[in-house]
C-alpha cells in the first residue's frame, strides 16, 4: 500500500456497527473453530480406529489385576473428549492469538502432546494394553488435521480483515506524529485485526480529520464516543502528553468486557518471542531480548540446511542435467554463472546460478540500471535475458545451483539475499545489519513480494528477519517460498 506522508488509507468498511456487535466477531469465529476442531479430532480418531482396529467394538486387553472393561470405541470417544477439552483449557481459541502469529499453532501442538501424555499415563496405571499403531498414528494425524483447519480458517480470516470485518475497531490516541505512524503500520498489515476508525490527539484539533481518519474529539472524550463510532479498543501510542496517571484514568472509564486498552510502546519490528512482560514495583517492564546468532539455534539451522540441501541435490539431479542442456543450446556461453557476493560478516564468496542472460550481461548492467532506486537492479523487460532464461527466472530455477553454496556454508536456505559488493559499499549503518546472518536462497523479502517491493520495504523485512530469527519462521518462509515460486509472483 502506498500512502503520502500525511495520508493514511483506511481499510474499506461498511457503516460502523453498534458497540455490542463490535466484539461479536470473536465469538462467531470461535464457534466456527469449535465445529472444525470437533470434526478434525473426531474424524482423525475414527479414521485411525478403522485403519488399525476395524469396525468391530473390540475390548481393550488388560494386564491389571483389577479388570477394566472398556472397548476401543469407548476409549476413542474418551480420547476425543480429553483432546477437545485440552484445546479449550489451553485457550487455543483466544481472540488475542487467533489469526496471526505462531502462538495459536503452539497451543494446538501442546494440546496434542497433552492428550498423548494423558493416554500413556492412563494406559500405564489402568493396565490397558493399547494398540501401539493406533496410539502412534492418531495423535500426529489429529494434530495435522487441527493445524490444517486452523490454517484454512486463518486464510479465510485474513481475506475478511482486508475489508475491515472480523477485526478490533480501534480509536488511536496520542500525538499527531505517533498516531499517523501507528495508523500507517496497522493499515499496512490488516491481517493482524486492528481496524482504525478514529483518532484523538494530544497536540492537535478536536475535530476534522487526520490522514483520512476522523478526529473523534479530545482524549478525555474517547470513552464516551466509543459507542458512536462502533469501536471496542483504545490504542494509546507513545506520547509525552499521555502520562501514567492519564492512561490509568482512561482505563477506569472503559466498560469492562466491552472495551480494551492497548498500549503501543516505542518499539518496532520486534518479534513477540523476544518480548517478555515482567512487572516490578508496580511498573509493567517490557524486556526485549538481544538478538543472538550462536549456540544451539545456529547449529540446528546449519544441520537443517545440510540435510535439506543434500536431499534436494540428489532428487533434482536429473532436472539439473536437463536445464544444463537447454542453457547450452539456447545461447553461447557457459552453463553456470558465477558472481561475487557478500556473505555473513562481510565475507565475499562466489554465488552459483544457471546462466539466464547473454554472456556480456555484466558489461551492459550499468547502462540499463542508471537512475534506478538504490539496490533495485532487476528490470521487468531486461533485454539481456535469454529465451530459456525467462522460464528459469520466472520459476526461480536459475537459483537451484545455490544449493551447492548452502552445502559449502556460504549460504543458508533462508536469510537475506546476498548483496553485490557495489551495493554493500553504499550501505548505511542500519543496512549493514543485514550482514549479521548468513545470506539465504530465499527470505522474508522474497516471499513478501519479491521484486515488486521497494528497497526501503525490502530492507525493513530483512532487518525484521535478522532481529527475530527462529527455526519456526524459517519453516514458514520455506512454505511461502514454494507458493511464491509456483505462482511466479514478482519474478522477472
Protein backbone atom coordinates (compact mmCIF):
# COMPACT_ATOMS: atom_id res chain seq x y z
CA UNK A 1 0.00 0.00 0.00
CA UNK A 2 1.34 3.46 -0.92
CA UNK A 3 0.45 6.46 1.18
CA UNK A 4 1.63 10.02 1.25
CA UNK A 5 3.42 11.27 4.39
CA UNK A 6 0.23 12.88 5.73
CA UNK A 7 -2.34 10.41 4.45
CA UNK A 8 -3.42 7.06 5.82
CA UNK A 9 -5.53 4.93 3.51
CA UNK A 10 -8.13 3.46 5.85
CA UNK A 11 -9.43 -0.04 5.25
CA UNK A 12 -12.74 -0.21 3.44
CA UNK A 13 -15.65 -0.80 5.74
CA UNK A 14 -19.37 -0.62 5.90
CA UNK A 15 -21.35 1.58 8.30
CA UNK A 16 -19.95 1.29 11.83
CA UNK A 17 -21.89 -1.26 13.88
CA UNK A 18 -23.19 -0.61 17.36
CA UNK A 19 -20.78 -1.39 20.16
CA UNK A 20 -22.34 -4.71 21.26
CA UNK A 21 -21.76 -6.05 17.74
CA UNK A 22 -18.17 -4.78 17.56
CA UNK A 23 -16.87 -7.70 19.63
CA UNK A 24 -19.25 -10.37 18.39
CA UNK A 25 -16.88 -11.35 15.59
CA UNK A 26 -14.54 -13.11 18.02
CA UNK A 27 -17.34 -15.24 19.46
CA UNK A 28 -18.67 -16.12 16.00
CA UNK A 29 -15.21 -17.03 14.82
CA UNK A 30 -14.51 -19.09 17.97
CA UNK A 31 -17.76 -21.03 17.45
CA UNK A 32 -16.66 -21.90 13.93
CA UNK A 33 -13.31 -23.09 15.26
CA UNK A 34 -15.14 -25.27 17.79
CA UNK A 35 -17.03 -27.01 15.00
CA UNK A 36 -13.95 -27.68 12.85
CA UNK A 37 -11.89 -28.73 15.90
CA UNK A 38 -14.52 -31.31 16.84
CA UNK A 39 -14.62 -32.58 13.26
CA UNK A 40 -10.81 -32.71 12.96
CA UNK A 41 -10.35 -34.66 16.20
CA UNK A 42 -13.34 -36.94 15.69
CA UNK A 43 -12.62 -37.79 12.07
CA UNK A 44 -8.92 -38.37 12.75
CA UNK A 45 -9.68 -40.69 15.66
CA UNK A 46 -12.33 -42.51 13.62
CA UNK A 47 -10.03 -42.93 10.62
CA UNK A 48 -7.19 -44.35 12.71
CA UNK A 49 -9.64 -46.59 14.58
CA UNK A 50 -10.94 -48.07 11.34
CA UNK A 51 -7.45 -48.41 9.87
CA UNK A 52 -5.84 -50.21 12.81
CA UNK A 53 -8.78 -51.81 14.64
CA UNK A 54 -11.53 -52.32 12.08
CA UNK A 55 -15.24 -51.89 12.63
CA UNK A 56 -15.79 -54.37 15.44
CA UNK A 57 -16.12 -52.98 19.01
CA UNK A 58 -13.03 -54.81 20.26
CA UNK A 59 -12.35 -54.82 24.00
CA UNK A 60 -9.01 -53.45 25.16
CA UNK A 61 -6.81 -56.19 26.65
CA UNK A 62 -5.65 -55.53 30.20
CA UNK A 63 -2.83 -56.92 32.31
CA UNK A 64 -4.06 -55.36 35.53
CA UNK A 65 -5.30 -57.42 38.46
CA UNK A 66 -8.38 -55.25 38.52
CA UNK A 67 -10.06 -55.83 35.16
CA UNK A 68 -11.32 -52.65 33.49
CA UNK A 69 -13.97 -53.39 30.91
CA UNK A 70 -13.64 -50.85 28.10
CA UNK A 71 -13.84 -51.19 24.35
CA UNK A 72 -11.85 -49.33 21.73
CA UNK A 73 -14.87 -47.26 20.54
CA UNK A 74 -15.43 -46.10 24.12
CA UNK A 75 -11.76 -45.30 24.50
CA UNK A 76 -11.77 -43.35 21.22
CA UNK A 77 -14.69 -41.22 22.44
CA UNK A 78 -12.89 -40.52 25.72
CA UNK A 79 -9.70 -39.65 23.87
CA UNK A 80 -11.51 -37.19 21.60
CA UNK A 81 -13.24 -35.59 24.61
CA UNK A 82 -9.97 -35.15 26.52
CA UNK A 83 -8.24 -33.76 23.44
CA UNK A 84 -11.02 -31.28 22.78
CA UNK A 85 -11.05 -30.24 26.45
CA UNK A 86 -7.32 -29.52 26.32
CA UNK A 87 -7.83 -27.28 23.29
CA UNK A 88 -10.25 -25.24 25.39
CA UNK A 89 -8.13 -25.26 28.58
CA UNK A 90 -5.05 -24.05 26.71
CA UNK A 91 -7.04 -21.14 25.16
CA UNK A 92 -6.29 -22.20 21.61
CA UNK A 93 -9.24 -20.08 20.50
CA UNK A 94 -8.27 -16.94 22.43
CA UNK A 95 -9.24 -13.88 20.38
CA UNK A 96 -5.90 -12.22 21.22
CA UNK A 97 -3.97 -15.01 19.49
CA UNK A 98 -6.15 -16.21 16.62
CA UNK A 99 -5.44 -15.03 13.12
CA UNK A 100 -1.73 -14.17 13.31
CA UNK A 101 1.49 -15.24 14.94
CA UNK A 102 2.52 -18.73 15.99
CA UNK A 103 1.01 -18.84 19.49
CA UNK A 104 -2.25 -20.33 18.25
CA UNK A 105 -0.40 -23.14 16.48
CA UNK A 106 1.81 -23.79 19.52
CA UNK A 107 -1.24 -24.19 21.74
CA UNK A 108 -2.74 -26.68 19.30
CA UNK A 109 0.51 -28.65 19.40
CA UNK A 110 0.56 -28.57 23.20
CA UNK A 111 -2.98 -29.92 23.29
CA UNK A 112 -1.91 -32.82 21.08
CA UNK A 113 1.13 -33.59 23.23
CA UNK A 114 -1.01 -33.29 26.36
CA UNK A 115 -3.58 -35.74 25.05
CA UNK A 116 -0.82 -38.18 24.07
CA UNK A 117 0.79 -37.93 27.53
CA UNK A 118 -2.57 -38.39 29.25
CA UNK A 119 -3.22 -41.51 27.17
CA UNK A 120 0.14 -43.07 28.03
CA UNK A 121 -0.25 -42.33 31.75
CA UNK A 122 -3.83 -43.64 31.85
CA UNK A 123 -2.86 -46.82 29.99
CA UNK A 124 0.01 -47.44 32.41
CA UNK A 125 -1.96 -47.01 35.63
CA UNK A 126 -5.08 -48.80 34.37
CA UNK A 127 -3.11 -51.66 32.86
CA UNK A 128 -4.50 -51.17 29.35
CA UNK A 129 -2.68 -52.91 26.53
CA UNK A 130 -3.42 -50.38 23.78
CA UNK A 131 -2.66 -50.91 20.11
CA UNK A 132 0.70 -49.18 19.53
CA UNK A 133 -0.06 -48.47 15.88
CA UNK A 134 -3.35 -46.80 16.76
CA UNK A 135 -1.87 -44.64 19.51
CA UNK A 136 1.18 -43.61 17.48
CA UNK A 137 -0.96 -42.69 14.45
CA UNK A 138 -3.95 -40.91 15.94
CA UNK A 139 -2.05 -38.02 17.53
CA UNK A 140 0.08 -36.95 14.52
CA UNK A 141 -2.92 -37.33 12.19
CA UNK A 142 -5.23 -35.43 14.52
CA UNK A 143 -2.72 -32.66 15.18
CA UNK A 144 -2.05 -32.26 11.46
CA UNK A 145 -5.80 -32.04 10.80
CA UNK A 146 -6.21 -29.41 13.51
CA UNK A 147 -3.30 -27.32 12.21
CA UNK A 148 -4.60 -27.57 8.64
CA UNK A 149 -8.09 -26.45 9.65
CA UNK A 150 -6.68 -23.53 11.68
CA UNK A 151 -4.51 -22.52 8.72
CA UNK A 152 -7.51 -22.56 6.37
CA UNK A 153 -9.56 -20.51 8.81
CA UNK A 154 -6.67 -18.07 9.14
CA UNK A 155 -6.58 -17.61 5.35
CA UNK A 156 -10.33 -17.01 5.38
CA UNK A 157 -9.99 -14.54 8.25
CA UNK A 158 -7.18 -12.61 6.53
CA UNK A 159 -9.35 -12.07 3.45
CA UNK A 160 -12.21 -10.76 5.60
CA UNK A 161 -9.93 -8.45 7.57
CA UNK A 162 -8.80 -6.69 4.41
CA UNK A 163 -12.32 -5.23 4.27
CA UNK A 164 -12.33 -4.35 7.97
CA UNK A 165 -14.51 -7.28 9.05
CA UNK A 166 -13.63 -9.63 11.91
CA UNK A 167 -11.27 -7.01 13.37
CA UNK A 168 -10.93 -4.92 16.51
CA UNK A 169 -12.27 -1.44 15.78
CA UNK A 170 -9.69 0.94 17.17
CA UNK A 171 -9.52 4.56 18.26
CA UNK A 172 -5.92 5.79 18.35
CA UNK A 173 -4.83 8.37 20.92
CA UNK A 174 -1.53 10.20 21.14
CA UNK A 175 0.46 12.88 19.38
CA UNK A 176 -0.07 13.63 15.70
CA UNK A 177 3.21 12.02 14.67
CA UNK A 178 2.82 8.80 16.63
CA UNK A 179 -0.86 8.41 15.69
CA UNK A 180 -0.09 8.78 11.98
CA UNK A 181 2.79 6.30 12.13
CA UNK A 182 0.77 3.74 14.07
CA UNK A 183 -2.19 4.12 11.71
CA UNK A 184 0.06 3.51 8.70
CA UNK A 185 1.62 0.43 10.29
CA UNK A 186 -1.78 -1.08 11.13
CA UNK A 187 -3.21 -0.28 7.69
CA UNK A 188 -0.21 -1.95 6.04
CA UNK A 189 -0.93 -5.23 7.87
CA UNK A 190 -4.74 -5.59 8.12
CA UNK A 191 -4.38 -9.30 8.79
CA UNK A 192 -3.46 -8.57 12.39
CA UNK A 193 -7.04 -7.48 13.01
CA UNK A 194 -6.78 -3.84 14.11
CA UNK A 195 -9.00 -1.53 12.03
CA UNK A 196 -8.64 2.17 12.91
CA UNK A 197 -11.97 4.02 12.90
CA UNK A 198 -10.96 7.26 14.63
CA UNK A 199 -8.23 9.22 16.38
CA UNK A 200 -7.90 11.61 19.31
CA UNK A 201 -4.86 13.89 19.50
CA UNK A 202 -2.97 15.29 22.44
CA UNK A 203 -1.45 18.08 20.34
CA UNK A 204 -3.98 18.74 17.62
CA UNK A 205 -7.53 19.84 16.81
CA UNK A 206 -10.64 18.34 18.37
CA UNK A 207 -12.48 17.87 15.10
CA UNK A 208 -11.99 17.30 11.41
CA UNK A 209 -9.76 14.51 10.14
CA UNK A 210 -6.16 13.39 10.16
CA UNK A 211 -4.80 11.40 7.22
CA UNK A 212 -8.31 10.41 6.18
CA UNK A 213 -9.30 9.28 9.70
CA UNK A 214 -11.96 11.20 11.68
CA UNK A 215 -10.87 13.02 14.83
CA UNK A 216 -13.45 11.94 17.42
CA UNK A 217 -12.70 14.66 19.97
CA UNK A 218 -10.34 15.16 22.89
CA UNK A 219 -8.54 12.24 24.53
CA UNK A 220 -10.72 12.57 27.64
CA UNK A 221 -13.83 12.26 25.45
CA UNK A 222 -12.80 8.91 23.95
CA UNK A 223 -14.62 6.61 26.44
CA UNK A 224 -17.88 8.46 25.71
CA UNK A 225 -17.61 8.29 21.91
CA UNK A 226 -16.61 4.65 21.51
CA UNK A 227 -20.20 3.53 21.12
CA UNK A 228 -20.97 6.12 18.46
CA UNK A 229 -18.06 5.02 16.25
CA UNK A 230 -18.59 1.34 16.94
CA UNK A 231 -15.14 0.89 18.50
CA UNK A 232 -14.11 -1.70 21.08
CA UNK A 233 -10.43 -0.87 21.54
CA UNK A 234 -8.48 2.22 22.59
CA UNK A 235 -4.86 2.12 21.46
CA UNK A 236 -2.54 4.60 23.15
CA UNK A 237 0.54 5.41 21.08
CA UNK A 238 3.80 6.60 22.57
CA UNK A 239 3.40 10.24 23.54
CA UNK A 240 4.87 12.63 26.08
CA UNK A 241 1.37 14.02 26.63
CA UNK A 242 -0.01 10.73 27.97
CA UNK A 243 1.47 10.32 31.48
CA UNK A 244 0.71 7.16 33.50
CA UNK A 245 -1.98 8.90 35.55
CA UNK A 246 -3.90 9.90 32.45
CA UNK A 247 -3.70 6.40 30.98
CA UNK A 248 -4.92 4.94 34.29
CA UNK A 249 -7.88 7.34 34.46
CA UNK A 250 -8.75 6.47 30.88
CA UNK A 251 -8.71 2.74 31.68
CA UNK A 252 -11.07 3.29 34.63
CA UNK A 253 -13.65 4.88 32.30
CA UNK A 254 -13.75 1.96 29.85
CA UNK A 255 -16.56 -0.58 30.16
CA UNK A 256 -15.27 -3.96 31.39
CA UNK A 257 -15.61 -6.85 28.93
CA UNK A 258 -16.69 -4.42 26.19
CA UNK A 259 -13.66 -2.18 25.74
CA UNK A 260 -9.95 -2.88 25.72
CA UNK A 261 -7.00 -0.60 26.34
CA UNK A 262 -3.84 -1.37 24.35
CA UNK A 263 -0.51 0.41 24.77
CA UNK A 264 1.90 0.68 21.84
CA UNK A 265 5.47 1.20 23.15
CA UNK A 266 8.12 2.93 21.08
CA UNK A 267 9.33 -0.38 19.62
CA UNK A 268 9.05 -1.52 16.02
CA UNK A 269 9.87 -4.74 14.15
CA UNK A 270 10.33 -6.79 17.32
CA UNK A 271 9.02 -10.36 17.28
CA UNK A 272 6.74 -11.48 20.08
CA UNK A 273 9.13 -14.23 21.17
CA UNK A 274 11.71 -11.58 22.17
CA UNK A 275 9.28 -9.59 24.35
CA UNK A 276 8.59 -10.50 27.98
CA UNK A 277 6.44 -8.54 30.40
CA UNK A 278 7.87 -8.54 33.93
CA UNK A 279 6.02 -6.36 36.45
CA UNK A 280 8.30 -4.78 39.05
CA UNK A 281 7.46 -2.15 41.68
CA UNK A 282 4.10 -1.61 40.02
CA UNK A 283 5.74 -0.96 36.65
CA UNK A 284 4.96 -3.15 33.62
CA UNK A 285 8.56 -3.56 32.46
CA UNK A 286 8.96 -4.81 28.89
CA UNK A 287 12.12 -6.89 28.49
CA UNK A 288 13.40 -7.14 24.93
CA UNK A 289 15.88 -9.95 24.35
CA UNK A 290 19.01 -9.06 22.42
CA UNK A 291 19.27 -10.98 19.12
CA UNK A 292 21.99 -13.64 19.10
CA UNK A 293 23.17 -15.96 16.34
CA UNK A 294 25.27 -18.54 18.18
CA UNK A 295 24.69 -21.73 20.13
CA UNK A 296 22.14 -24.48 19.60
CA UNK A 297 19.91 -22.42 17.33
CA UNK A 298 22.65 -21.75 14.81
CA UNK A 299 23.76 -25.41 14.95
CA UNK A 300 20.19 -26.57 14.30
CA UNK A 301 19.86 -24.18 11.37
CA UNK A 302 23.13 -25.42 9.83
CA UNK A 303 22.17 -29.07 10.31
CA UNK A 304 18.79 -28.42 8.69
CA UNK A 305 20.46 -26.66 5.75
CA UNK A 306 22.87 -29.55 5.18
CA UNK A 307 20.16 -32.20 5.35
CA UNK A 308 17.66 -30.45 3.07
CA UNK A 309 20.25 -29.23 0.54
CA UNK A 310 21.78 -32.71 0.24
CA UNK A 311 18.42 -34.38 -0.33
CA UNK A 312 17.32 -31.75 -2.87
CA UNK A 313 20.55 -32.00 -4.85
CA UNK A 314 20.09 -35.77 -5.18
CA UNK A 315 16.41 -35.50 -6.12
CA UNK A 316 16.92 -32.63 -8.56
CA UNK A 317 20.00 -34.06 -10.30
CA UNK A 318 18.01 -35.14 -13.42
CA UNK A 319 16.45 -31.68 -13.66
CA UNK A 320 19.90 -30.09 -13.38
CA UNK A 321 21.06 -32.15 -16.36
CA UNK A 322 18.05 -31.14 -18.49
CA UNK A 323 18.44 -27.43 -17.63
CA UNK A 324 22.17 -27.56 -18.39
CA UNK A 325 21.49 -28.94 -21.89
CA UNK A 326 18.79 -26.33 -22.58
CA UNK A 327 21.00 -23.44 -21.42
CA UNK A 328 23.96 -24.63 -23.52
CA UNK A 329 21.82 -24.96 -26.67
CA UNK A 330 19.92 -21.69 -26.22
CA UNK A 331 22.80 -19.19 -26.44
CA UNK A 332 26.61 -19.06 -26.50
CA UNK A 333 28.36 -19.17 -23.12
CA UNK A 334 28.81 -21.39 -20.12
CA UNK A 335 26.03 -23.29 -18.38
CA UNK A 336 26.71 -21.75 -14.99
CA UNK A 337 27.10 -18.14 -13.98
CA UNK A 338 29.32 -17.11 -11.09
CA UNK A 339 29.26 -13.73 -9.42
CA UNK A 340 30.91 -12.29 -6.33
CA UNK A 341 28.50 -11.60 -3.48
CA UNK A 342 28.94 -10.52 0.13
CA UNK A 343 28.07 -13.03 2.82
CA UNK A 344 27.94 -13.15 6.60
CA UNK A 345 30.10 -10.56 8.37
CA UNK A 346 31.08 -9.07 5.01
CA UNK A 347 32.91 -12.15 3.71
CA UNK A 348 32.90 -12.35 -0.13
CA UNK A 349 32.02 -15.58 -1.92
CA UNK A 350 31.12 -16.73 -5.43
CA UNK A 351 27.41 -17.35 -5.95
CA UNK A 352 26.39 -20.05 -8.42
CA UNK A 353 23.45 -19.90 -10.84
CA UNK A 354 22.29 -21.33 -14.12
CA UNK A 355 23.10 -18.71 -16.74
CA UNK A 356 19.90 -16.91 -17.74
CA UNK A 357 21.42 -13.94 -19.58
CA UNK A 358 23.65 -13.31 -22.54
CA UNK A 359 27.40 -13.61 -22.00
CA UNK A 360 28.00 -9.81 -21.88
CA UNK A 361 25.24 -9.13 -19.32
CA UNK A 362 27.55 -7.67 -16.67
CA UNK A 363 29.09 -5.23 -19.14
CA UNK A 364 25.64 -3.88 -20.05
CA UNK A 365 24.33 -3.64 -16.49
CA UNK A 366 25.47 -0.08 -15.74
CA UNK A 367 23.68 1.49 -18.72
CA UNK A 368 20.44 -0.38 -18.01
CA UNK A 369 20.23 0.42 -14.28
CA UNK A 370 21.14 4.10 -14.44
CA UNK A 371 18.71 6.13 -12.33
CA UNK A 372 17.13 3.12 -10.61
CA UNK A 373 16.32 3.01 -6.92
CA UNK A 374 19.14 2.01 -4.60
CA UNK A 375 19.67 -1.73 -4.57
CA UNK A 376 16.98 -2.48 -7.15
CA UNK A 377 18.78 -3.86 -10.18
CA UNK A 378 16.07 -6.11 -11.67
CA UNK A 379 14.25 -4.97 -14.80
CA UNK A 380 10.79 -6.10 -15.83
CA UNK A 381 11.81 -6.45 -19.50
CA UNK A 382 15.55 -7.00 -19.30
CA UNK A 383 16.88 -7.34 -22.87
CA UNK A 384 19.85 -9.37 -21.62
CA UNK A 385 17.69 -12.36 -20.60
CA UNK A 386 17.74 -15.34 -22.96
CA UNK A 387 14.66 -17.30 -24.06
CA UNK A 388 15.30 -20.21 -21.71
CA UNK A 389 16.43 -17.69 -19.09
CA UNK A 390 12.95 -16.16 -18.94
CA UNK A 391 11.49 -19.53 -17.99
CA UNK A 392 14.24 -20.25 -15.46
CA UNK A 393 13.87 -16.87 -13.77
CA UNK A 394 10.08 -16.98 -13.77
CA UNK A 395 10.12 -20.10 -11.62
CA UNK A 396 13.44 -19.36 -9.87
CA UNK A 397 15.02 -22.45 -11.42
CA UNK A 398 18.18 -20.46 -12.20
CA UNK A 399 18.89 -20.26 -8.47
CA UNK A 400 18.83 -24.01 -7.78
CA UNK A 401 22.65 -24.38 -8.07
CA UNK A 402 22.90 -22.21 -4.97
CA UNK A 403 22.15 -25.39 -3.05
CA UNK A 404 25.88 -26.01 -3.56
CA UNK A 405 26.56 -22.68 -1.82
CA UNK A 406 24.35 -23.91 1.03
CA UNK A 407 26.41 -27.09 1.37
CA UNK A 408 29.60 -25.02 1.48
CA UNK A 409 28.18 -22.90 4.31
CA UNK A 410 28.34 -19.72 2.24
CA UNK A 411 24.55 -19.50 2.16
CA UNK A 412 21.56 -20.80 4.07
CA UNK A 413 18.19 -21.97 2.81
CA UNK A 414 16.61 -18.90 4.44
CA UNK A 415 18.13 -15.49 5.02
CA UNK A 416 18.57 -12.07 3.40
CA UNK A 417 19.55 -12.29 -0.25
CA UNK A 418 23.34 -11.95 -0.74
CA UNK A 419 24.22 -8.45 -1.92
CA UNK A 420 26.69 -7.28 -4.53
CA UNK A 421 29.90 -5.60 -3.33
CA UNK A 422 28.79 -2.38 -5.05
CA UNK A 423 25.56 -2.41 -3.04
CA UNK A 424 27.29 -3.09 0.28
CA UNK A 425 29.68 -0.18 -0.34
CA UNK A 426 26.63 2.13 -0.23
CA UNK A 427 25.05 0.60 2.89
CA UNK A 428 24.46 2.82 5.89
CA UNK A 429 24.90 1.59 9.47
CA UNK A 430 21.35 0.26 9.60
CA UNK A 431 21.57 -1.63 6.31
CA UNK A 432 24.87 -3.24 7.29
CA UNK A 433 22.88 -5.16 9.90
CA UNK A 434 21.77 -7.49 7.05
CA UNK A 435 25.27 -8.97 7.08
CA UNK A 436 24.93 -10.25 10.67
CA UNK A 437 23.46 -13.54 9.43
CA UNK A 438 24.22 -15.95 6.59
CA UNK A 439 22.50 -14.90 3.35
CA UNK A 440 19.77 -17.17 2.07
CA UNK A 441 18.40 -18.86 -1.00
CA UNK A 442 15.05 -17.38 0.00
CA UNK A 443 13.99 -14.86 2.60
CA UNK A 444 11.24 -12.74 4.08
CA UNK A 445 11.72 -10.11 1.37
CA UNK A 446 11.28 -12.67 -1.41
CA UNK A 447 8.09 -14.24 -0.03
CA UNK A 448 6.54 -10.83 0.69
CA UNK A 449 6.58 -9.52 -2.84
CA UNK A 450 9.94 -10.37 -4.41
CA UNK A 451 10.85 -7.70 -6.99
CA UNK A 452 7.52 -5.89 -6.54
CA UNK A 453 8.72 -4.37 -3.24
CA UNK A 454 10.72 -1.18 -2.98
CA UNK A 455 14.17 -1.01 -1.42
CA UNK A 456 13.00 0.51 1.87
CA UNK A 457 10.29 -2.13 2.40
CA UNK A 458 12.71 -4.92 1.49
CA UNK A 459 15.32 -3.70 3.95
CA UNK A 460 12.69 -3.44 6.67
CA UNK A 461 11.68 -7.06 6.10
CA UNK A 462 15.28 -8.30 6.01
CA UNK A 463 16.10 -6.47 9.25
CA UNK A 464 13.00 -7.93 10.88
CA UNK A 465 14.25 -11.39 9.94
CA UNK A 466 17.74 -10.66 11.27
CA UNK A 467 16.39 -9.37 14.58
CA UNK A 468 13.77 -12.08 15.11
CA UNK A 469 15.20 -15.23 13.55
CA UNK A 470 13.76 -18.61 14.58
CA UNK A 471 13.51 -22.09 13.05
CA UNK A 472 9.72 -21.76 13.06
CA UNK A 473 9.98 -18.61 10.97
CA UNK A 474 12.39 -20.36 8.57
CA UNK A 475 9.90 -23.18 8.01
CA UNK A 476 7.11 -20.67 7.38
CA UNK A 477 9.27 -18.81 4.85
CA UNK A 478 10.16 -22.04 3.03
CA UNK A 479 6.47 -22.91 2.78
CA UNK A 480 5.66 -19.44 1.43
CA UNK A 481 8.62 -19.71 -0.95
CA UNK A 482 7.13 -22.79 -2.58
CA UNK A 483 3.85 -20.93 -3.09
CA UNK A 484 5.59 -17.82 -4.45
CA UNK A 485 7.65 -19.87 -6.92
CA UNK A 486 4.60 -21.76 -8.20
CA UNK A 487 2.67 -18.54 -8.76
CA UNK A 488 5.80 -16.74 -10.06
CA UNK A 489 4.56 -13.55 -8.39
CA UNK A 490 7.08 -10.73 -8.58
CA UNK A 491 9.61 -12.83 -10.54
CA UNK A 492 11.33 -11.49 -13.65
